[in-house]
Structure formats: C-alpha cells, structure tokens
Amino acid sequence: MTVTGALVLTNKGSSVGDAAITGLPFTIGNANGFYQAASFRNNNISFADQFVGYGAISDTTIQLNEMTNAGVLTSIDNTNFANTSSMLFSLTYFV
C-alpha cells in the first residue's frame, strides 16, 4: 500500500502534544520487517538536524521525529509547527 498526502496549516490552533499523521487507510502489518521510513518535504517546521518519520506497525499512524547529528531521537510536537507549516509525505507499507 502506498499513501501520499499534503498537510497545509493556516492556523495551528492550540493543540498540544506529539504530532503524527493518523488515519492511514489500512493497518500496517505486525512484523519487525514491516517498519517503513516515510518521505517528507517540509516548509516552516522547525526541528533538530534531521526530520524523520516511520509507519508504526499494527497501527494506522506515521510517527514524526527529529534526530540530532549525535543520534538523539525525539518526537515532533506542536512547538515545531508554525501557523503556516506545510508538508508533503509518502509512505509505502505492508498490510
């Protein structure tokens, strides 16, 4: 299954907590080999050195993270987004 999408914010509102892309059309299969990296093109989203994401097994979610050059991985959250943030994304995964 391949999903692609565009996220465009005109006002991020007052949401708090970790950011994720939810509602994939099918649940990602449950096997260690089924973790898949997602591809992104971002605008007005702040993060450490690298923006990364992956499809979470047994879920319908793309987890969003930032990784420093030192290899420290943390979640992307509401503070990383601006009122004008946008994102194109793609994920191919196994069901």
PDB file of N, CA and C in Angstrom:
ATOM      1  N   MET A   1       0.849  -1.161   0.000  1.00  0.00           N
ATOM      2  CA  MET A   1       0.000   0.000   0.000  1.00  0.00           C
ATOM      3  C   MET A   1       0.903   1.235   0.000  1.00  0.00           C
ATOM      4  N   THR A   2       0.594   2.192  -0.841  1.00  0.00           N
ATOM      5  CA  THR A   2       1.297   3.467  -0.843  1.00  0.00           C
ATOM      6  C   THR A   2       0.300   4.582  -0.577  1.00  0.00           C
ATOM      7  N   VAL A   3       0.631   5.454   0.347  1.00  0.00           N
ATOM      8  CA  VAL A   3      -0.189   6.626   0.636  1.00  0.00           C
ATOM      9  C   VAL A   3       0.658   7.871   0.398  1.00  0.00           C
ATOM     10  N   THR A   4       0.035   8.897  -0.116  1.00  0.00           N
ATOM     11  CA  THR A   4       0.673  10.195  -0.271  1.00  0.00           C
ATOM     12  C   THR A   4      -0.301  11.242   0.226  1.00  0.00           C
ATOM     13  N   GLY A   5       0.223  12.372   0.650  1.00  0.00           N
ATOM     14  CA  GLY A   5      -0.674  13.408   1.132  1.00  0.00           C
ATOM     15  C   GLY A   5       0.003  14.741   1.264  1.00  0.00           C
ATOM     16  N   ALA A   6      -0.819  15.731   1.508  1.00  0.00           N
ATOM     17  CA  ALA A   6      -0.354  17.094   1.741  1.00  0.00           C
ATOM     18  C   ALA A   6      -1.049  17.623   2.983  1.00  0.00           C
ATOM     19  N   LEU A   7      -0.291  18.249   3.843  1.00  0.00           N
ATOM     20  CA  LEU A   7      -0.804  18.878   5.055  1.00  0.00           C
ATOM     21  C   LEU A   7      -0.470  20.361   4.955  1.00  0.00           C
ATOM     22  N   VAL A   8      -1.479  21.213   5.054  1.00  0.00           N
ATOM     23  CA  VAL A   8      -1.271  22.654   4.981  1.00  0.00           C
ATOM     24  C   VAL A   8      -1.999  23.296   6.153  1.00  0.00           C
ATOM     25  N   LEU A   9      -1.260  24.024   6.993  1.00  0.00           N
ATOM     26  CA  LEU A   9      -1.858  24.725   8.126  1.00  0.00           C
ATOM     27  C   LEU A   9      -2.035  26.199   7.782  1.00  0.00           C
ATOM     28  N   THR A  10      -3.181  26.739   8.120  1.00  0.00           N
ATOM     29  CA  THR A  10      -3.385  28.174   8.027  1.00  0.00           C
ATOM     30  C   THR A  10      -3.423  28.786   9.421  1.00  0.00           C
ATOM     31  N   ASN A  11      -3.656  27.933  10.425  1.00  0.00           N
ATOM     32  CA  ASN A  11      -3.615  28.332  11.827  1.00  0.00           C
ATOM     33  C   ASN A  11      -3.526  27.055  12.637  1.00  0.00           C
ATOM     34  N   LYS A  12      -2.417  26.843  13.325  1.00  0.00           N
ATOM     35  CA  LYS A  12      -2.230  25.575  14.032  1.00  0.00           C
ATOM     36  C   LYS A  12      -3.100  25.426  15.264  1.00  0.00           C
ATOM     37  N   GLY A  13      -3.742  26.486  15.694  1.00  0.00           N
ATOM     38  CA  GLY A  13      -4.636  26.389  16.836  1.00  0.00           C
ATOM     39  C   GLY A  13      -3.891  26.168  18.130  1.00  0.00           C
ATOM     40  N   SER A  14      -4.550  25.532  19.096  1.00  0.00           N
ATOM     41  CA  SER A  14      -3.982  25.376  20.426  1.00  0.00           C
ATOM     42  C   SER A  14      -3.697  23.917  20.783  1.00  0.00           C
ATOM     43  N   SER A  15      -3.597  23.049  19.793  1.00  0.00           N
ATOM     44  CA  SER A  15      -3.304  21.641  20.077  1.00  0.00           C
ATOM     45  C   SER A  15      -1.955  21.508  20.759  1.00  0.00           C
ATOM     46  N   VAL A  16      -1.825  20.495  21.606  1.00  0.00           N
ATOM     47  CA  VAL A  16      -0.568  20.231  22.300  1.00  0.00           C
ATOM     48  C   VAL A  16      -0.220  18.756  22.140  1.00  0.00           C
ATOM     49  N   GLY A  17       1.030  18.429  22.430  1.00  0.00           N
ATOM     50  CA  GLY A  17       1.453  17.035  22.405  1.00  0.00           C
ATOM     51  C   GLY A  17       2.181  16.660  21.127  1.00  0.00           C
ATOM     52  N   ASP A  18       2.535  15.381  21.033  1.00  0.00           N
ATOM     53  CA  ASP A  18       3.285  14.864  19.894  1.00  0.00           C
ATOM     54  C   ASP A  18       2.456  14.927  18.623  1.00  0.00           C
ATOM     55  N   ALA A  19       3.140  15.212  17.514  1.00  0.00           N
ATOM     56  CA  ALA A  19       2.484  15.273  16.212  1.00  0.00           C
ATOM     57  C   ALA A  19       2.641  13.935  15.503  1.00  0.00           C
ATOM     58  N   ALA A  20       1.610  13.531  14.790  1.00  0.00           N
ATOM     59  CA  ALA A  20       1.633  12.302  13.999  1.00  0.00           C
ATOM     60  C   ALA A  20       0.620  12.455  12.877  1.00  0.00           C
ATOM     61  N   ILE A  21       0.806  11.676  11.846  1.00  0.00           N
ATOM     62  CA  ILE A  21      -0.171  11.610  10.763  1.00  0.00           C
ATOM     63  C   ILE A  21      -0.971  10.341  11.000  1.00  0.00           C
ATOM     64  N   THR A  22      -2.253  10.490  11.218  1.00  0.00           N
ATOM     65  CA  THR A  22      -3.092   9.337  11.564  1.00  0.00           C
ATOM     66  C   THR A  22      -4.138   9.086  10.486  1.00  0.00           C
ATOM     67  N   GLY A  23      -4.760   7.934  10.571  1.00  0.00           N
ATOM     68  CA  GLY A  23      -5.860   7.618   9.674  1.00  0.00           C
ATOM     69  C   GLY A  23      -5.440   6.989   8.363  1.00  0.00           C
ATOM     70  N   LEU A  24      -4.300   6.259   8.352  1.00  0.00           N
ATOM     71  CA  LEU A  24      -3.936   5.544   7.132  1.00  0.00           C
ATOM     72  C   LEU A  24      -5.079   4.598   6.762  1.00  0.00           C
ATOM     73  N   PRO A  25      -5.281   4.325   5.470  1.00  0.00           N
ATOM     74  CA  PRO A  25      -6.452   3.543   5.067  1.00  0.00           C
ATOM     75  C   PRO A  25      -6.446   2.085   5.533  1.00  0.00           C
ATOM     76  N   PHE A  26      -5.266   1.514   5.788  1.00  0.00           N
ATOM     77  CA  PHE A  26      -5.169   0.137   6.267  1.00  0.00           C
ATOM     78  C   PHE A  26      -4.146   0.085   7.397  1.00  0.00           C
ATOM     79  N   THR A  27      -4.336  -0.834   8.320  1.00  0.00           N
ATOM     80  CA  THR A  27      -3.392  -1.028   9.418  1.00  0.00           C
ATOM     81  C   THR A  27      -2.099  -1.613   8.877  1.00  0.00           C
ATOM     82  N   ILE A  28      -0.973  -1.079   9.319  1.00  0.00           N
ATOM     83  CA  ILE A  28       0.336  -1.596   8.930  1.00  0.00           C
ATOM     84  C   ILE A  28       0.511  -2.973   9.561  1.00  0.00           C
ATOM     85  N   GLY A  29       1.027  -3.917   8.786  1.00  0.00           N
ATOM     86  CA  GLY A  29       1.206  -5.287   9.255  1.00  0.00           C
ATOM     87  C   GLY A  29       2.060  -5.367  10.504  1.00  0.00           C
ATOM     88  N   ASN A  30       1.925  -6.477  11.227  1.00  0.00           N
ATOM     89  CA  ASN A  30       2.617  -6.657  12.502  1.00  0.00           C
ATOM     90  C   ASN A  30       3.783  -7.620  12.344  1.00  0.00           C
ATOM     91  N   ALA A  31       4.905  -7.100  11.868  1.00  0.00           N
ATOM     92  CA  ALA A  31       6.149  -7.871  11.785  1.00  0.00           C
ATOM     93  C   ALA A  31       7.300  -6.882  11.854  1.00  0.00           C
ATOM     94  N   ASN A  32       8.396  -7.261  12.491  1.00  0.00           N
ATOM     95  CA  ASN A  32       9.527  -6.337  12.636  1.00  0.00           C
ATOM     96  C   ASN A  32      10.000  -5.789  11.300  1.00  0.00           C
ATOM     97  N   GLY A  33       9.954  -6.587  10.253  1.00  0.00           N
ATOM     98  CA  GLY A  33      10.382  -6.136   8.937  1.00  0.00           C
ATOM     99  C   GLY A  33       9.428  -5.168   8.278  1.00  0.00           C
ATOM    100  N   PHE A  34       8.287  -4.895   8.903  1.00  0.00           N
ATOM    101  CA  PHE A  34       7.288  -4.019   8.290  1.00  0.00           C
ATOM    102  C   PHE A  34       7.435  -2.552   8.692  1.00  0.00           C
ATOM    103  N   TYR A  35       8.408  -2.216   9.560  1.00  0.00           N
ATOM    104  CA  TYR A  35       8.676  -0.797   9.833  1.00  0.00           C
ATOM    105  C   TYR A  35       9.191  -0.171   8.544  1.00  0.00           C
ATOM    106  N   GLN A  36       8.582   0.926   8.117  1.00  0.00           N
ATOM    107  CA  GLN A  36       8.968   1.575   6.874  1.00  0.00           C
ATOM    108  C   GLN A  36       9.191   3.057   7.106  1.00  0.00           C
ATOM    109  N   ALA A  37      10.234   3.600   6.483  1.00  0.00           N
ATOM    110  CA  ALA A  37      10.503   5.036   6.571  1.00  0.00           C
ATOM    111  C   ALA A  37       9.578   5.789   5.630  1.00  0.00           C
ATOM    112  N   ALA A  38       9.173   6.970   6.043  1.00  0.00           N
ATOM    113  CA  ALA A  38       8.343   7.842   5.218  1.00  0.00           C
ATOM    114  C   ALA A  38       9.224   8.926   4.600  1.00  0.00           C
ATOM    115  N   SER A  39       8.769   9.472   3.483  1.00  0.00           N
ATOM    116  CA  SER A  39       9.464  10.577   2.813  1.00  0.00           C
ATOM    117  C   SER A  39       8.683  11.866   3.050  1.00  0.00           C
ATOM    118  N   PHE A  40       9.417  12.968   3.249  1.00  0.00           N
ATOM    119  CA  PHE A  40       8.787  14.251   3.553  1.00  0.00           C
ATOM    120  C   PHE A  40       9.408  15.387   2.769  1.00  0.00           C
ATOM    121  N   ARG A  41       8.605  16.402   2.524  1.00  0.00           N
ATOM    122  CA  ARG A  41       9.069  17.717   2.079  1.00  0.00           C
ATOM    123  C   ARG A  41       8.356  18.711   2.980  1.00  0.00           C
ATOM    124  N   ASN A  42       9.113  19.469   3.770  1.00  0.00           N
ATOM    125  CA  ASN A  42       8.550  20.332   4.810  1.00  0.00           C
ATOM    126  C   ASN A  42       8.781  21.803   4.516  1.00  0.00           C
ATOM    127  N   ASN A  43       7.884  22.631   5.035  1.00  0.00           N
ATOM    128  CA  ASN A  43       8.026  24.071   4.972  1.00  0.00           C
ATOM    129  C   ASN A  43       7.543  24.660   6.296  1.00  0.00           C
ATOM    130  N   ASN A  44       8.353  25.498   6.905  1.00  0.00           N
ATOM    131  CA  ASN A  44       8.029  26.167   8.175  1.00  0.00           C
ATOM    132  C   ASN A  44       7.757  25.191   9.318  1.00  0.00           C
ATOM    133  N   ILE A  45       8.537  24.126   9.381  1.00  0.00           N
ATOM    134  CA  ILE A  45       8.518  23.193  10.506  1.00  0.00           C
ATOM    135  C   ILE A  45       9.936  23.171  11.059  1.00  0.00           C
ATOM    136  N   SER A  46      10.094  23.521  12.340  1.00  0.00           N
ATOM    137  CA  SER A  46      11.426  23.555  12.942  1.00  0.00           C
ATOM    138  C   SER A  46      11.752  22.184  13.531  1.00  0.00           C
ATOM    139  N   PHE A  47      13.007  21.806  13.452  1.00  0.00           N
ATOM    140  CA  PHE A  47      13.448  20.523  14.002  1.00  0.00           C
ATOM    141  C   PHE A  47      14.953  20.552  14.163  1.00  0.00           C
ATOM    142  N   ALA A  48      15.475  19.544  14.836  1.00  0.00           N
ATOM    143  CA  ALA A  48      16.924  19.446  15.022  1.00  0.00           C
ATOM    144  C   ALA A  48      17.553  19.181  13.653  1.00  0.00           C
ATOM    145  N   ASP A  49      18.508  18.348  13.528  1.00  0.00           N
ATOM    146  CA  ASP A  49      19.275  18.210  12.295  1.00  0.00           C
ATOM    147  C   ASP A  49      18.564  17.430  11.190  1.00  0.00           C
ATOM    148  N   GLN A  50      17.693  16.486  11.537  1.00  0.00           N
ATOM    149  CA  GLN A  50      17.005  15.693  10.527  1.00  0.00           C
ATOM    150  C   GLN A  50      15.549  15.479  10.932  1.00  0.00           C
ATOM    151  N   PHE A  51      14.653  15.596   9.959  1.00  0.00           N
ATOM    152  CA  PHE A  51      13.236  15.301  10.158  1.00  0.00           C
ATOM    153  C   PHE A  51      13.018  13.888   9.649  1.00  0.00           C
ATOM    154  N   VAL A  52      12.510  12.998  10.497  1.00  0.00           N
ATOM    155  CA  VAL A  52      12.323  11.597  10.106  1.00  0.00           C
ATOM    156  C   VAL A  52      10.932  11.131  10.537  1.00  0.00           C
ATOM    157  N   GLY A  53      10.467  10.089   9.915  1.00  0.00           N
ATOM    158  CA  GLY A  53       9.187   9.510  10.279  1.00  0.00           C
ATOM    159  C   GLY A  53       9.107   8.078   9.795  1.00  0.00           C
ATOM    160  N   TYR A  54       8.207   7.324  10.395  1.00  0.00           N
ATOM    161  CA  TYR A  54       8.058   5.922  10.025  1.00  0.00           C
ATOM    162  C   TYR A  54       6.622   5.476  10.258  1.00  0.00           C
ATOM    163  N   GLY A  55       6.236   4.431   9.552  1.00  0.00           N
ATOM    164  CA  GLY A  55       4.937   3.814   9.762  1.00  0.00           C
ATOM    165  C   GLY A  55       5.016   2.872  10.948  1.00  0.00           C
ATOM    166  N   ALA A  56       4.149   3.061  11.924  1.00  0.00           N
ATOM    167  CA  ALA A  56       4.149   2.246  13.146  1.00  0.00           C
ATOM    168  C   ALA A  56       3.408   0.935  12.891  1.00  0.00           C
ATOM    169  N   ILE A  57       4.068  -0.201  13.158  1.00  0.00           N
ATOM    170  CA  ILE A  57       3.431  -1.497  12.924  1.00  0.00           C
ATOM    171  C   ILE A  57       2.185  -1.646  13.791  1.00  0.00           C
ATOM    172  N   SER A  58       1.219  -2.393  13.278  1.00  0.00           N
ATOM    173  CA  SER A  58      -0.067  -2.654  13.949  1.00  0.00           C
ATOM    174  C   SER A  58      -0.841  -1.364  14.231  1.00  0.00           C
ATOM    175  N   ASP A  59      -0.639  -0.347  13.405  1.00  0.00           N
ATOM    176  CA  ASP A  59      -1.281   0.943  13.625  1.00  0.00           C
ATOM    177  C   ASP A  59      -1.595   1.572  12.277  1.00  0.00           C
ATOM    178  N   THR A  60      -2.302   2.678  12.300  1.00  0.00           N
ATOM    179  CA  THR A  60      -2.598   3.446  11.084  1.00  0.00           C
ATOM    180  C   THR A  60      -1.989   4.840  11.204  1.00  0.00           C
ATOM    181  N   THR A  61      -0.754   4.903  11.709  1.00  0.00           N
ATOM    182  CA  THR A  61      -0.112   6.168  12.056  1.00  0.00           C
ATOM    183  C   THR A  61       1.302   6.260  11.486  1.00  0.00           C
ATOM    184  N   ILE A  62       1.656   7.462  11.030  1.00  0.00           N
ATOM    185  CA  ILE A  62       3.042   7.789  10.701  1.00  0.00           C
ATOM    186  C   ILE A  62       3.577   8.611  11.865  1.00  0.00           C
ATOM    187  N   GLN A  63       4.561   8.077  12.569  1.00  0.00           N
ATOM    188  CA  GLN A  63       5.189   8.776  13.692  1.00  0.00           C
ATOM    189  C   GLN A  63       6.174   9.808  13.147  1.00  0.00           C
ATOM    190  N   LEU A  64       6.192  11.005  13.718  1.00  0.00           N
ATOM    191  CA  LEU A  64       7.092  12.071  13.289  1.00  0.00           C
ATOM    192  C   LEU A  64       8.140  12.316  14.366  1.00  0.00           C
ATOM    193  N   ASN A  65       9.405  12.393  13.951  1.00  0.00           N
ATOM    194  CA  ASN A  65      10.509  12.585  14.890  1.00  0.00           C
ATOM    195  C   ASN A  65      11.535  13.550  14.324  1.00  0.00           C
ATOM    196  N   GLU A  66      12.403  14.018  15.203  1.00  0.00           N
ATOM    197  CA  GLU A  66      13.584  14.772  14.820  1.00  0.00           C
ATOM    198  C   GLU A  66      14.798  14.051  15.387  1.00  0.00           C
ATOM    199  N   MET A  67      15.913  14.096  14.650  1.00  0.00           N
ATOM    200  CA  MET A  67      17.123  13.421  15.109  1.00  0.00           C
ATOM    201  C   MET A  67      18.302  14.372  14.981  1.00  0.00           C
ATOM    202  N   THR A  68      19.075  14.476  16.051  1.00  0.00           N
ATOM    203  CA  THR A  68      20.279  15.308  16.017  1.00  0.00           C
ATOM    204  C   THR A  68      21.399  14.538  15.336  1.00  0.00           C
ATOM    205  N   ASN A  69      22.449  15.266  14.975  1.00  0.00           N
ATOM    206  CA  ASN A  69      23.623  14.611  14.393  1.00  0.00           C
ATOM    207  C   ASN A  69      24.254  13.634  15.374  1.00  0.00           C
ATOM    208  N   ALA A  70      24.003  13.804  16.677  1.00  0.00           N
ATOM    209  CA  ALA A  70      24.524  12.889  17.691  1.00  0.00           C
ATOM    210  C   ALA A  70      23.668  11.627  17.808  1.00  0.00           C
ATOM    211  N   GLY A  71      22.562  11.548  17.055  1.00  0.00           N
ATOM    212  CA  GLY A  71      21.724  10.358  17.078  1.00  0.00           C
ATOM    213  C   GLY A  71      20.619  10.377  18.111  1.00  0.00           C
ATOM    214  N   VAL A  72      20.336  11.530  18.702  1.00  0.00           N
ATOM    215  CA  VAL A  72      19.270  11.636  19.703  1.00  0.00           C
ATOM    216  C   VAL A  72      17.938  11.820  18.972  1.00  0.00           C
ATOM    217  N   LEU A  73      16.993  10.909  19.214  1.00  0.00           N
ATOM    218  CA  LEU A  73      15.694  10.909  18.552  1.00  0.00           C
ATOM    219  C   LEU A  73      14.628  11.390  19.526  1.00  0.00           C
ATOM    220  N   THR A  74      13.861  12.404  19.128  1.00  0.00           N
ATOM    221  CA  THR A  74      12.752  12.899  19.942  1.00  0.00           C
ATOM    222  C   THR A  74      11.543  13.128  19.044  1.00  0.00           C
ATOM    223  N   SER A  75      10.381  13.218  19.658  1.00  0.00           N
ATOM    224  CA  SER A  75       9.140  13.434  18.924  1.00  0.00           C
ATOM    225  C   SER A  75       9.045  14.865  18.422  1.00  0.00           C
ATOM    226  N   ILE A  76       8.375  15.019  17.297  1.00  0.00           N
ATOM    227  CA  ILE A  76       7.969  16.337  16.816  1.00  0.00           C
ATOM    228  C   ILE A  76       6.678  16.667  17.561  1.00  0.00           C
ATOM    229  N   ASP A  77       6.527  17.905  18.016  1.00  0.00           N
ATOM    230  CA  ASP A  77       5.290  18.255  18.711  1.00  0.00           C
ATOM    231  C   ASP A  77       4.768  19.603  18.224  1.00  0.00           C
ATOM    232  N   ASN A  78       3.747  20.101  18.878  1.00  0.00           N
ATOM    233  CA  ASN A  78       3.094  21.334  18.448  1.00  0.00           C
ATOM    234  C   ASN A  78       4.040  22.523  18.379  1.00  0.00           C
ATOM    235  N   THR A  79       5.088  22.530  19.204  1.00  0.00           N
ATOM    236  CA  THR A  79       6.007  23.676  19.203  1.00  0.00           C
ATOM    237  C   THR A  79       6.864  23.726  17.948  1.00  0.00           C
ATOM    238  N   ASN A  80       6.969  22.636  17.204  1.00  0.00           N
ATOM    239  CA  ASN A  80       7.760  22.599  15.978  1.00  0.00           C
ATOM    240  C   ASN A  80       7.027  23.206  14.782  1.00  0.00           C
ATOM    241  N   PHE A  81       5.714  23.407  14.919  1.00  0.00           N
ATOM    242  CA  PHE A  81       4.904  23.883  13.805  1.00  0.00           C
ATOM    243  C   PHE A  81       4.606  25.361  13.935  1.00  0.00           C
ATOM    244  N   ALA A  82       4.517  26.044  12.779  1.00  0.00           N
ATOM    245  CA  ALA A  82       4.093  27.443  12.716  1.00  0.00           C
ATOM    246  C   ALA A  82       2.667  27.477  12.159  1.00  0.00           C
ATOM    247  N   ASN A  83       2.040  28.635  12.207  1.00  0.00           N
ATOM    248  CA  ASN A  83       0.693  28.762  11.644  1.00  0.00           C
ATOM    249  C   ASN A  83       0.659  28.519  10.142  1.00  0.00           C
ATOM    250  N   THR A  84       1.825  28.614   9.484  1.00  0.00           N
ATOM    251  CA  THR A  84       1.891  28.436   8.033  1.00  0.00           C
ATOM    252  C   THR A  84       2.694  27.197   7.633  1.00  0.00           C
ATOM    253  N   SER A  85       2.793  26.210   8.498  1.00  0.00           N
ATOM    254  CA  SER A  85       3.537  24.994   8.179  1.00  0.00           C
ATOM    255  C   SER A  85       2.825  24.194   7.086  1.00  0.00           C
ATOM    256  N   SER A  86       3.639  23.499   6.293  1.00  0.00           N
ATOM    257  CA  SER A  86       3.076  22.598   5.286  1.00  0.00           C
ATOM    258  C   SER A  86       4.005  21.400   5.119  1.00  0.00           C
ATOM    259  N   MET A  87       3.443  20.321   4.598  1.00  0.00           N
ATOM    260  CA  MET A  87       4.206  19.086   4.456  1.00  0.00           C
ATOM    261  C   MET A  87       3.606  18.246   3.333  1.00  0.00           C
ATOM    262  N   LEU A  88       4.470  17.688   2.500  1.00  0.00           N
ATOM    263  CA  LEU A  88       4.094  16.641   1.566  1.00  0.00           C
ATOM    264  C   LEU A  88       4.694  15.362   2.108  1.00  0.00           C
ATOM    265  N   PHE A  89       3.970  14.239   2.026  1.00  0.00           N
ATOM    266  CA  PHE A  89       4.510  12.994   2.566  1.00  0.00           C
ATOM    267  C   PHE A  89       4.113  11.802   1.707  1.00  0.00           C
ATOM    268  N   SER A  90       4.897  10.742   1.840  1.00  0.00           N
ATOM    269  CA  SER A  90       4.635   9.494   1.141  1.00  0.00           C
ATOM    270  C   SER A  90       5.133   8.343   2.014  1.00  0.00           C
ATOM    271  N   LEU A  91       4.377   7.254   2.023  1.00  0.00           N
ATOM    272  CA  LEU A  91       4.772   6.054   2.759  1.00  0.00           C
ATOM    273  C   LEU A  91       4.278   4.834   1.997  1.00  0.00           C
ATOM    274  N   THR A  92       5.149   3.891   1.765  1.00  0.00           N
ATOM    275  CA  THR A  92       4.764   2.589   1.218  1.00  0.00           C
ATOM    276  C   THR A  92       4.922   1.580   2.335  1.00  0.00           C
ATOM    277  N   TYR A  93       3.848   0.785   2.575  1.00  0.00           N
ATOM    278  CA  TYR A  93       3.887  -0.136   3.703  1.00  0.00           C
ATOM    279  C   TYR A  93       3.169  -1.438   3.392  1.00  0.00           C
ATOM    280  N   PHE A  94       3.409  -2.444   4.227  1.00  0.00           N
ATOM    281  CA  PHE A  94       2.793  -3.764   4.113  1.00  0.00           C
ATOM    282  C   PHE A  94       1.578  -3.843   5.027  1.00  0.00           C
ATOM    283  N   VAL A  95       0.522  -4.476   4.562  1.00  0.00           N
ATOM    284  CA  VAL A  95      -0.676  -4.650   5.396  1.00  0.00           C
ATOM    285  C   VAL A  95      -0.782  -6.087   5.851  1.00  0.00           C
TER     286      VAL A  95
END
